[in-house]
Amino acid sequence: MDKDTASPPHYYSVGAPLRVEPPPTVVLVPQPTNVEAQIGYDYQLQLMAKCARGEHQVSRKYGVVGIIFGVALFPVGMLVMLCDRKKKCDRCGLIIE
């Protein structure tokens, strides 16, 4: 018989398989550019800056009692109506006295 000239058997180690993690992928998600919202926000900041400088948009509101006295007691009631008014900024809501 011929001698077996085959190579010796190969032994493999049995253990936990090696975990090769792929490098993290960076996903760039385009942010929506809402131009109208940015323009509105800038406009709002400009208006509030005017109020911060003291340039309020004042509206006058007269109270119910002042209006009733102004109509019922016409010449003198107008003074009561002028005393029963409130000045308020339409932009920021500040009550100005």
PDB file of N, CA and C in Angstrom:
ATOM      1  N   MET A   1       0.819  -1.162   0.000  1.00  0.00           N
ATOM      2  CA  MET A   1       0.000   0.000   0.000  1.00  0.00           C
ATOM      3  C   MET A   1       0.862   1.224   0.000  1.00  0.00           C
ATOM      4  N   ASP A   2       0.294   2.181  -0.661  1.00  0.00           N
ATOM      5  CA  ASP A   2       1.025   3.443  -0.722  1.00  0.00           C
ATOM      6  C   ASP A   2       0.767   4.244   0.537  1.00  0.00           C
ATOM      7  N   LYS A   3       1.746   4.959   0.832  1.00  0.00           N
ATOM      8  CA  LYS A   3       1.651   5.830   1.999  1.00  0.00           C
ATOM      9  C   LYS A   3       0.812   7.047   1.611  1.00  0.00           C
ATOM     10  N   ASP A   4      -0.059   7.409   2.497  1.00  0.00           N
ATOM     11  CA  ASP A   4      -0.936   8.551   2.214  1.00  0.00           C
ATOM     12  C   ASP A   4      -0.126   9.828   2.327  1.00  0.00           C
ATOM     13  N   THR A   5      -0.038  10.537   1.244  1.00  0.00           N
ATOM     14  CA  THR A   5       0.744  11.770   1.243  1.00  0.00           C
ATOM     15  C   THR A   5      -0.137  13.006   1.367  1.00  0.00           C
ATOM     16  N   ALA A   6      -1.278  12.820   1.839  1.00  0.00           N
ATOM     17  CA  ALA A   6      -2.175  13.974   1.998  1.00  0.00           C
ATOM     18  C   ALA A   6      -1.690  14.854   3.138  1.00  0.00           C
ATOM     19  N   SER A   7      -2.040  16.073   3.067  1.00  0.00           N
ATOM     20  CA  SER A   7      -1.625  17.015   4.106  1.00  0.00           C
ATOM     21  C   SER A   7      -2.379  16.725   5.391  1.00  0.00           C
ATOM     22  N   PRO A   8      -1.797  17.111   6.499  1.00  0.00           N
ATOM     23  CA  PRO A   8      -2.451  16.830   7.768  1.00  0.00           C
ATOM     24  C   PRO A   8      -3.762  17.628   7.864  1.00  0.00           C
ATOM     25  N   PRO A   9      -4.674  17.169   8.669  1.00  0.00           N
ATOM     26  CA  PRO A   9      -5.966  17.863   8.774  1.00  0.00           C
ATOM     27  C   PRO A   9      -5.793  19.254   9.399  1.00  0.00           C
ATOM     28  N   HIS A  10      -6.638  20.192   8.958  1.00  0.00           N
ATOM     29  CA  HIS A  10      -6.611  21.563   9.500  1.00  0.00           C
ATOM     30  C   HIS A  10      -7.632  21.654  10.627  1.00  0.00           C
ATOM     31  N   TYR A  11      -7.214  22.276  11.700  1.00  0.00           N
ATOM     32  CA  TYR A  11      -8.096  22.442  12.846  1.00  0.00           C
ATOM     33  C   TYR A  11      -8.527  23.913  12.907  1.00  0.00           C
ATOM     34  N   TYR A  12      -9.796  24.121  13.109  1.00  0.00           N
ATOM     35  CA  TYR A  12     -10.346  25.468  13.226  1.00  0.00           C
ATOM     36  C   TYR A  12     -10.770  25.693  14.668  1.00  0.00           C
ATOM     37  N   SER A  13     -10.554  26.902  15.147  1.00  0.00           N
ATOM     38  CA  SER A  13     -10.967  27.197  16.514  1.00  0.00           C
ATOM     39  C   SER A  13     -12.467  27.496  16.523  1.00  0.00           C
ATOM     40  N   VAL A  14     -13.125  26.960  17.485  1.00  0.00           N
ATOM     41  CA  VAL A  14     -14.561  27.169  17.616  1.00  0.00           C
ATOM     42  C   VAL A  14     -14.753  28.106  18.798  1.00  0.00           C
ATOM     43  N   GLY A  15     -15.337  29.212  18.544  1.00  0.00           N
ATOM     44  CA  GLY A  15     -15.570  30.191  19.591  1.00  0.00           C
ATOM     45  C   GLY A  15     -16.583  31.211  19.091  1.00  0.00           C
ATOM     46  N   ALA A  16     -16.657  32.281  19.797  1.00  0.00           N
ATOM     47  CA  ALA A  16     -17.587  33.329  19.386  1.00  0.00           C
ATOM     48  C   ALA A  16     -17.109  33.927  18.072  1.00  0.00           C
ATOM     49  N   PRO A  17     -18.000  34.069  17.139  1.00  0.00           N
ATOM     50  CA  PRO A  17     -17.574  34.647  15.865  1.00  0.00           C
ATOM     51  C   PRO A  17     -17.188  36.115  16.060  1.00  0.00           C
ATOM     52  N   LEU A  18     -16.238  36.541  15.334  1.00  0.00           N
ATOM     53  CA  LEU A  18     -15.802  37.931  15.423  1.00  0.00           C
ATOM     54  C   LEU A  18     -16.857  38.827  14.799  1.00  0.00           C
ATOM     55  N   ARG A  19     -17.178  39.888  15.523  1.00  0.00           N
ATOM     56  CA  ARG A  19     -18.169  40.827  15.003  1.00  0.00           C
ATOM     57  C   ARG A  19     -17.442  42.010  14.408  1.00  0.00           C
ATOM     58  N   VAL A  20     -17.617  42.157  13.169  1.00  0.00           N
ATOM     59  CA  VAL A  20     -17.014  43.294  12.482  1.00  0.00           C
ATOM     60  C   VAL A  20     -18.141  44.272  12.186  1.00  0.00           C
ATOM     61  N   GLU A  21     -18.071  45.433  12.837  1.00  0.00           N
ATOM     62  CA  GLU A  21     -19.116  46.431  12.637  1.00  0.00           C
ATOM     63  C   GLU A  21     -18.702  47.363  11.515  1.00  0.00           C
ATOM     64  N   PRO A  22     -19.621  47.632  10.625  1.00  0.00           N
ATOM     65  CA  PRO A  22     -19.295  48.564   9.546  1.00  0.00           C
ATOM     66  C   PRO A  22     -19.160  49.974  10.119  1.00  0.00           C
ATOM     67  N   PRO A  23     -18.393  50.806   9.489  1.00  0.00           N
ATOM     68  CA  PRO A  23     -18.266  52.179   9.992  1.00  0.00           C
ATOM     69  C   PRO A  23     -19.617  52.886   9.913  1.00  0.00           C
ATOM     70  N   PRO A  24     -19.884  53.778  10.864  1.00  0.00           N
ATOM     71  CA  PRO A  24     -21.185  54.457  10.852  1.00  0.00           C
ATOM     72  C   PRO A  24     -21.321  55.324   9.603  1.00  0.00           C
ATOM     73  N   THR A  25     -22.499  55.258   9.040  1.00  0.00           N
ATOM     74  CA  THR A  25     -22.745  56.067   7.847  1.00  0.00           C
ATOM     75  C   THR A  25     -23.433  57.355   8.265  1.00  0.00           C
ATOM     76  N   VAL A  26     -22.991  58.429   7.730  1.00  0.00           N
ATOM     77  CA  VAL A  26     -23.562  59.736   8.025  1.00  0.00           C
ATOM     78  C   VAL A  26     -24.610  60.029   6.968  1.00  0.00           C
ATOM     79  N   VAL A  27     -25.834  60.227   7.432  1.00  0.00           N
ATOM     80  CA  VAL A  27     -26.929  60.513   6.521  1.00  0.00           C
ATOM     81  C   VAL A  27     -27.267  61.986   6.664  1.00  0.00           C
ATOM     82  N   LEU A  28     -27.135  62.715   5.610  1.00  0.00           N
ATOM     83  CA  LEU A  28     -27.468  64.132   5.625  1.00  0.00           C
ATOM     84  C   LEU A  28     -28.894  64.303   5.130  1.00  0.00           C
ATOM     85  N   VAL A  29     -29.755  64.767   6.035  1.00  0.00           N
ATOM     86  CA  VAL A  29     -31.146  64.997   5.681  1.00  0.00           C
ATOM     87  C   VAL A  29     -31.294  66.480   5.387  1.00  0.00           C
ATOM     88  N   PRO A  30     -31.721  66.831   4.207  1.00  0.00           N
ATOM     89  CA  PRO A  30     -31.866  68.257   3.911  1.00  0.00           C
ATOM     90  C   PRO A  30     -32.988  68.858   4.742  1.00  0.00           C
ATOM     91  N   GLN A  31     -32.677  69.949   5.419  1.00  0.00           N
ATOM     92  CA  GLN A  31     -33.662  70.632   6.231  1.00  0.00           C
ATOM     93  C   GLN A  31     -34.539  71.492   5.328  1.00  0.00           C
ATOM     94  N   PRO A  32     -35.840  71.463   5.566  1.00  0.00           N
ATOM     95  CA  PRO A  32     -36.702  72.296   4.732  1.00  0.00           C
ATOM     96  C   PRO A  32     -36.455  73.770   5.031  1.00  0.00           C
ATOM     97  N   THR A  33     -36.273  74.523   4.012  1.00  0.00           N
ATOM     98  CA  THR A  33     -36.051  75.953   4.190  1.00  0.00           C
ATOM     99  C   THR A  33     -37.377  76.646   3.952  1.00  0.00           C
ATOM    100  N   ASN A  34     -37.978  77.069   5.029  1.00  0.00           N
ATOM    101  CA  ASN A  34     -39.263  77.737   4.949  1.00  0.00           C
ATOM    102  C   ASN A  34     -39.002  79.230   4.919  1.00  0.00           C
ATOM    103  N   VAL A  35     -38.886  79.759   3.749  1.00  0.00           N
ATOM    104  CA  VAL A  35     -38.501  81.154   3.568  1.00  0.00           C
ATOM    105  C   VAL A  35     -39.583  82.079   4.102  1.00  0.00           C
ATOM    106  N   GLU A  36     -40.841  81.718   3.893  1.00  0.00           N
ATOM    107  CA  GLU A  36     -41.929  82.586   4.348  1.00  0.00           C
ATOM    108  C   GLU A  36     -41.940  82.705   5.868  1.00  0.00           C
ATOM    109  N   ALA A  37     -41.675  81.606   6.556  1.00  0.00           N
ATOM    110  CA  ALA A  37     -41.647  81.642   8.021  1.00  0.00           C
ATOM    111  C   ALA A  37     -40.494  82.502   8.518  1.00  0.00           C
ATOM    112  N   GLN A  38     -39.352  82.423   7.863  1.00  0.00           N
ATOM    113  CA  GLN A  38     -38.204  83.233   8.267  1.00  0.00           C
ATOM    114  C   GLN A  38     -38.487  84.713   8.041  1.00  0.00           C
ATOM    115  N   ILE A  39     -39.135  85.040   6.929  1.00  0.00           N
ATOM    116  CA  ILE A  39     -39.473  86.441   6.649  1.00  0.00           C
ATOM    117  C   ILE A  39     -40.456  86.954   7.698  1.00  0.00           C
ATOM    118  N   GLY A  40     -41.451  86.135   8.053  1.00  0.00           N
ATOM    119  CA  GLY A  40     -42.418  86.533   9.077  1.00  0.00           C
ATOM    120  C   GLY A  40     -41.771  86.720  10.436  1.00  0.00           C
ATOM    121  N   TYR A  41     -40.836  85.843  10.763  1.00  0.00           N
ATOM    122  CA  TYR A  41     -40.135  85.951  12.044  1.00  0.00           C
ATOM    123  C   TYR A  41     -39.294  87.226  12.089  1.00  0.00           C
ATOM    124  N   ASP A  42     -38.617  87.538  10.991  1.00  0.00           N
ATOM    125  CA  ASP A  42     -37.820  88.770  10.943  1.00  0.00           C
ATOM    126  C   ASP A  42     -38.707  89.999  11.071  1.00  0.00           C
ATOM    127  N   TYR A  43     -39.873  89.972  10.427  1.00  0.00           N
ATOM    128  CA  TYR A  43     -40.809  91.096  10.509  1.00  0.00           C
ATOM    129  C   TYR A  43     -41.309  91.277  11.941  1.00  0.00           C
ATOM    130  N   GLN A  44     -41.611  90.167  12.603  1.00  0.00           N
ATOM    131  CA  GLN A  44     -42.070  90.240  13.987  1.00  0.00           C
ATOM    132  C   GLN A  44     -40.983  90.819  14.893  1.00  0.00           C
ATOM    133  N   LEU A  45     -39.735  90.432  14.672  1.00  0.00           N
ATOM    134  CA  LEU A  45     -38.639  90.986  15.472  1.00  0.00           C
ATOM    135  C   LEU A  45     -38.481  92.481  15.243  1.00  0.00           C
ATOM    136  N   GLN A  46     -38.686  92.928  14.010  1.00  0.00           N
ATOM    137  CA  GLN A  46     -38.591  94.362  13.727  1.00  0.00           C
ATOM    138  C   GLN A  46     -39.688  95.130  14.452  1.00  0.00           C
ATOM    139  N   LEU A  47     -40.900  94.572  14.477  1.00  0.00           N
ATOM    140  CA  LEU A  47     -41.993  95.256  15.168  1.00  0.00           C
ATOM    141  C   LEU A  47     -41.751  95.310  16.669  1.00  0.00           C
ATOM    142  N   MET A  48     -41.264  94.218  17.238  1.00  0.00           N
ATOM    143  CA  MET A  48     -40.994  94.216  18.673  1.00  0.00           C
ATOM    144  C   MET A  48     -39.825  95.130  19.021  1.00  0.00           C
ATOM    145  N   ALA A  49     -38.899  95.296  18.094  1.00  0.00           N
ATOM    146  CA  ALA A  49     -37.791  96.225  18.329  1.00  0.00           C
ATOM    147  C   ALA A  49     -38.311  97.653  18.396  1.00  0.00           C
ATOM    148  N   LYS A  50     -39.330  97.969  17.594  1.00  0.00           N
ATOM    149  CA  LYS A  50     -39.932  99.309  17.667  1.00  0.00           C
ATOM    150  C   LYS A  50     -40.557  99.526  19.036  1.00  0.00           C
ATOM    151  N   CYS A  51     -41.248  98.529  19.547  1.00  0.00           N
ATOM    152  CA  CYS A  51     -41.856  98.663  20.875  1.00  0.00           C
ATOM    153  C   CYS A  51     -40.784  98.779  21.955  1.00  0.00           C
ATOM    154  N   ALA A  52     -39.676  98.088  21.788  1.00  0.00           N
ATOM    155  CA  ALA A  52     -38.600  98.170  22.770  1.00  0.00           C
ATOM    156  C   ALA A  52     -37.980  99.560  22.783  1.00  0.00           C
ATOM    157  N   ARG A  53     -37.999 100.237  21.632  1.00  0.00           N
ATOM    158  CA  ARG A  53     -37.482 101.611  21.567  1.00  0.00           C
ATOM    159  C   ARG A  53     -38.502 102.629  22.051  1.00  0.00           C
ATOM    160  N   GLY A  54     -39.725 102.196  22.329  1.00  0.00           N
ATOM    161  CA  GLY A  54     -40.753 103.109  22.816  1.00  0.00           C
ATOM    162  C   GLY A  54     -41.668 103.626  21.726  1.00  0.00           C
ATOM    163  N   GLU A  55     -41.558 103.104  20.527  1.00  0.00           N
ATOM    164  CA  GLU A  55     -42.412 103.536  19.416  1.00  0.00           C
ATOM    165  C   GLU A  55     -43.639 102.624  19.350  1.00  0.00           C
ATOM    166  N   HIS A  56     -44.522 102.752  20.333  1.00  0.00           N
ATOM    167  CA  HIS A  56     -45.694 101.885  20.410  1.00  0.00           C
ATOM    168  C   HIS A  56     -46.771 102.345  19.435  1.00  0.00           C
ATOM    169  N   GLN A  57     -47.599 101.410  18.997  1.00  0.00           N
ATOM    170  CA  GLN A  57     -48.755 101.713  18.167  1.00  0.00           C
ATOM    171  C   GLN A  57     -49.950 101.763  19.115  1.00  0.00           C
ATOM    172  N   VAL A  58     -50.306 102.960  19.531  1.00  0.00           N
ATOM    173  CA  VAL A  58     -51.259 103.152  20.610  1.00  0.00           C
ATOM    174  C   VAL A  58     -52.682 103.211  20.055  1.00  0.00           C
ATOM    175  N   SER A  59     -53.581 102.495  20.720  1.00  0.00           N
ATOM    176  CA  SER A  59     -55.013 102.621  20.439  1.00  0.00           C
ATOM    177  C   SER A  59     -55.700 102.962  21.755  1.00  0.00           C
ATOM    178  N   ARG A  60     -56.751 103.731  21.664  1.00  0.00           N
ATOM    179  CA  ARG A  60     -57.474 104.162  22.857  1.00  0.00           C
ATOM    180  C   ARG A  60     -58.804 103.428  22.928  1.00  0.00           C
ATOM    181  N   LYS A  61     -59.110 102.908  24.087  1.00  0.00           N
ATOM    182  CA  LYS A  61     -60.384 102.239  24.336  1.00  0.00           C
ATOM    183  C   LYS A  61     -61.084 102.989  25.462  1.00  0.00           C
ATOM    184  N   TYR A  62     -62.364 103.275  25.250  1.00  0.00           N
ATOM    185  CA  TYR A  62     -63.145 103.983  26.252  1.00  0.00           C
ATOM    186  C   TYR A  62     -64.011 102.983  27.000  1.00  0.00           C
ATOM    187  N   GLY A  63     -64.138 103.186  28.310  1.00  0.00           N
ATOM    188  CA  GLY A  63     -64.929 102.287  29.143  1.00  0.00           C
ATOM    189  C   GLY A  63     -66.418 102.514  28.971  1.00  0.00           C
ATOM    190  N   VAL A  64     -67.205 101.536  29.392  1.00  0.00           N
ATOM    191  CA  VAL A  64     -68.661 101.592  29.252  1.00  0.00           C
ATOM    192  C   VAL A  64     -69.235 102.727  30.091  1.00  0.00           C
ATOM    193  N   VAL A  65     -68.728 102.890  31.303  1.00  0.00           N
ATOM    194  CA  VAL A  65     -69.235 103.946  32.190  1.00  0.00           C
ATOM    195  C   VAL A  65     -68.971 105.319  31.579  1.00  0.00           C
ATOM    196  N   GLY A  66     -67.790 105.511  31.023  1.00  0.00           N
ATOM    197  CA  GLY A  66     -67.466 106.791  30.398  1.00  0.00           C
ATOM    198  C   GLY A  66     -68.349 107.084  29.203  1.00  0.00           C
ATOM    199  N   ILE A  67     -68.666 106.081  28.415  1.00  0.00           N
ATOM    200  CA  ILE A  67     -69.534 106.293  27.250  1.00  0.00           C
ATOM    201  C   ILE A  67     -70.953 106.634  27.697  1.00  0.00           C
ATOM    202  N   ILE A  68     -71.451 105.938  28.715  1.00  0.00           N
ATOM    203  CA  ILE A  68     -72.812 106.224  29.203  1.00  0.00           C
ATOM    204  C   ILE A  68     -72.889 107.637  29.762  1.00  0.00           C
ATOM    205  N   PHE A  69     -71.899 108.038  30.569  1.00  0.00           N
ATOM    206  CA  PHE A  69     -71.896 109.400  31.103  1.00  0.00           C
ATOM    207  C   PHE A  69     -71.715 110.422  29.987  1.00  0.00           C
ATOM    208  N   GLY A  70     -70.931 110.104  28.982  1.00  0.00           N
ATOM    209  CA  GLY A  70     -70.723 111.030  27.872  1.00  0.00           C
ATOM    210  C   GLY A  70     -71.994 111.285  27.093  1.00  0.00           C
ATOM    211  N   VAL A  71     -72.830 110.272  26.949  1.00  0.00           N
ATOM    212  CA  VAL A  71     -74.089 110.436  26.212  1.00  0.00           C
ATOM    213  C   VAL A  71     -75.151 111.059  27.114  1.00  0.00           C
ATOM    214  N   ALA A  72     -75.270 110.578  28.353  1.00  0.00           N
ATOM    215  CA  ALA A  72     -76.339 111.045  29.238  1.00  0.00           C
ATOM    216  C   ALA A  72     -76.106 112.477  29.711  1.00  0.00           C
ATOM    217  N   LEU A  73     -74.910 112.798  30.096  1.00  0.00           N
ATOM    218  CA  LEU A  73     -74.601 114.140  30.613  1.00  0.00           C
ATOM    219  C   LEU A  73     -73.624 114.800  29.643  1.00  0.00           C
ATOM    220  N   PHE A  74     -74.129 115.163  28.482  1.00  0.00           N
ATOM    221  CA  PHE A  74     -73.264 115.507  27.359  1.00  0.00           C
ATOM    222  C   PHE A  74     -72.099 116.447  27.666  1.00  0.00           C
ATOM    223  N   PRO A  75     -72.257 117.658  28.063  1.00  0.00           N
ATOM    224  CA  PRO A  75     -71.029 118.462  28.147  1.00  0.00           C
ATOM    225  C   PRO A  75     -70.096 117.996  29.259  1.00  0.00           C
ATOM    226  N   VAL A  76     -70.635 117.700  30.426  1.00  0.00           N
ATOM    227  CA  VAL A  76     -69.797 117.299  31.551  1.00  0.00           C
ATOM    228  C   VAL A  76     -69.408 115.815  31.419  1.00  0.00           C
ATOM    229  N   GLY A  77     -70.250 115.022  30.833  1.00  0.00           N
ATOM    230  CA  GLY A  77     -70.002 113.593  30.685  1.00  0.00           C
ATOM    231  C   GLY A  77     -68.806 113.287  29.794  1.00  0.00           C
ATOM    232  N   MET A  78     -68.457 114.221  28.920  1.00  0.00           N
ATOM    233  CA  MET A  78     -67.278 114.023  28.068  1.00  0.00           C
ATOM    234  C   MET A  78     -66.006 113.990  28.908  1.00  0.00           C
ATOM    235  N   LEU A  79     -65.967 114.750  29.991  1.00  0.00           N
ATOM    236  CA  LEU A  79     -64.806 114.710  30.885  1.00  0.00           C
ATOM    237  C   LEU A  79     -64.697 113.341  31.561  1.00  0.00           C
ATOM    238  N   VAL A  80     -65.836 112.783  31.949  1.00  0.00           N
ATOM    239  CA  VAL A  80     -65.834 111.453  32.558  1.00  0.00           C
ATOM    240  C   VAL A  80     -65.355 110.419  31.534  1.00  0.00           C
ATOM    241  N   MET A  81     -65.794 110.587  30.286  1.00  0.00           N
ATOM    242  CA  MET A  81     -65.380 109.647  29.247  1.00  0.00           C
ATOM    243  C   MET A  81     -63.875 109.731  29.005  1.00  0.00           C
ATOM    244  N   LEU A  82     -63.314 110.932  29.033  1.00  0.00           N
ATOM    245  CA  LEU A  82     -61.872 111.083  28.845  1.00  0.00           C
ATOM    246  C   LEU A  82     -61.082 110.494  30.015  1.00  0.00           C
ATOM    247  N   CYS A  83     -61.669 110.524  31.211  1.00  0.00           N
ATOM    248  CA  CYS A  83     -60.992 109.923  32.364  1.00  0.00           C
ATOM    249  C   CYS A  83     -61.099 108.397  32.348  1.00  0.00           C
ATOM    250  N   ASP A  84     -62.119 107.875  31.672  1.00  0.00           N
ATOM    251  CA  ASP A  84     -62.360 106.432  31.656  1.00  0.00           C
ATOM    252  C   ASP A  84     -61.829 105.794  30.364  1.00  0.00           C
ATOM    253  N   ARG A  85     -60.667 106.185  29.955  1.00  0.00           N
ATOM    254  CA  ARG A  85     -60.083 105.592  28.746  1.00  0.00           C
ATOM    255  C   ARG A  85     -58.811 104.834  29.102  1.00  0.00           C
ATOM    256  N   LYS A  86     -58.460 103.915  28.220  1.00  0.00           N
ATOM    257  CA  LYS A  86     -57.267 103.102  28.425  1.00  0.00           C
ATOM    258  C   LYS A  86     -56.477 103.108  27.122  1.00  0.00           C
ATOM    259  N   LYS A  87     -55.172 103.408  27.225  1.00  0.00           N
ATOM    260  CA  LYS A  87     -54.294 103.373  26.049  1.00  0.00           C
ATOM    261  C   LYS A  87     -53.502 102.073  26.088  1.00  0.00           C
ATOM    262  N   LYS A  88     -53.498 101.381  24.940  1.00  0.00           N
ATOM    263  CA  LYS A  88     -52.845 100.080  24.870  1.00  0.00           C
ATOM    264  C   LYS A  88     -52.126  99.953  23.533  1.00  0.00           C
ATOM    265  N   CYS A  89     -50.931  99.368  23.565  1.00  0.00           N
ATOM    266  CA  CYS A  89     -50.168  99.126  22.342  1.00  0.00           C
ATOM    267  C   CYS A  89     -50.767  97.915  21.625  1.00  0.00           C
ATOM    268  N   ASP A  90     -51.048  98.068  20.333  1.00  0.00           N
ATOM    269  CA  ASP A  90     -51.625  96.969  19.556  1.00  0.00           C
ATOM    270  C   ASP A  90     -50.613  95.869  19.273  1.00  0.00           C
ATOM    271  N   ARG A  91     -49.336  96.192  19.229  1.00  0.00           N
ATOM    272  CA  ARG A  91     -48.308  95.201  18.890  1.00  0.00           C
ATOM    273  C   ARG A  91     -47.930  94.325  20.068  1.00  0.00           C
ATOM    274  N   CYS A  92     -47.556  94.953  21.182  1.00  0.00           N
ATOM    275  CA  CYS A  92     -47.025  94.169  22.308  1.00  0.00           C
ATOM    276  C   CYS A  92     -48.016  94.015  23.454  1.00  0.00           C
ATOM    277  N   GLY A  93     -49.126  94.765  23.445  1.00  0.00           N
ATOM    278  CA  GLY A  93     -50.137  94.628  24.480  1.00  0.00           C
ATOM    279  C   GLY A  93     -49.854  95.403  25.752  1.00  0.00           C
ATOM    280  N   LEU A  94     -48.863  96.281  25.743  1.00  0.00           N
ATOM    281  CA  LEU A  94     -48.509  97.065  26.923  1.00  0.00           C
ATOM    282  C   LEU A  94     -49.565  98.135  27.173  1.00  0.00           C
ATOM    283  N   ILE A  95     -50.022  98.252  28.423  1.00  0.00           N
ATOM    284  CA  ILE A  95     -50.983  99.287  28.789  1.00  0.00           C
ATOM    285  C   ILE A  95     -50.197 100.535  29.151  1.00  0.00           C
ATOM    286  N   ILE A  96     -50.468 101.620  28.439  1.00  0.00           N
ATOM    287  CA  ILE A  96     -49.732 102.876  28.606  1.00  0.00           C
ATOM    288  C   ILE A  96     -50.637 103.858  29.331  1.00  0.00           C
ATOM    289  N   GLU A  97     -50.142 104.430  30.384  1.00  0.00           N
ATOM    290  CA  GLU A  97     -50.914 105.432  31.135  1.00  0.00           C
ATOM    291  C   GLU A  97     -50.254 106.772  31.047  1.00  0.00           C
TER     292      GLU A  97
END
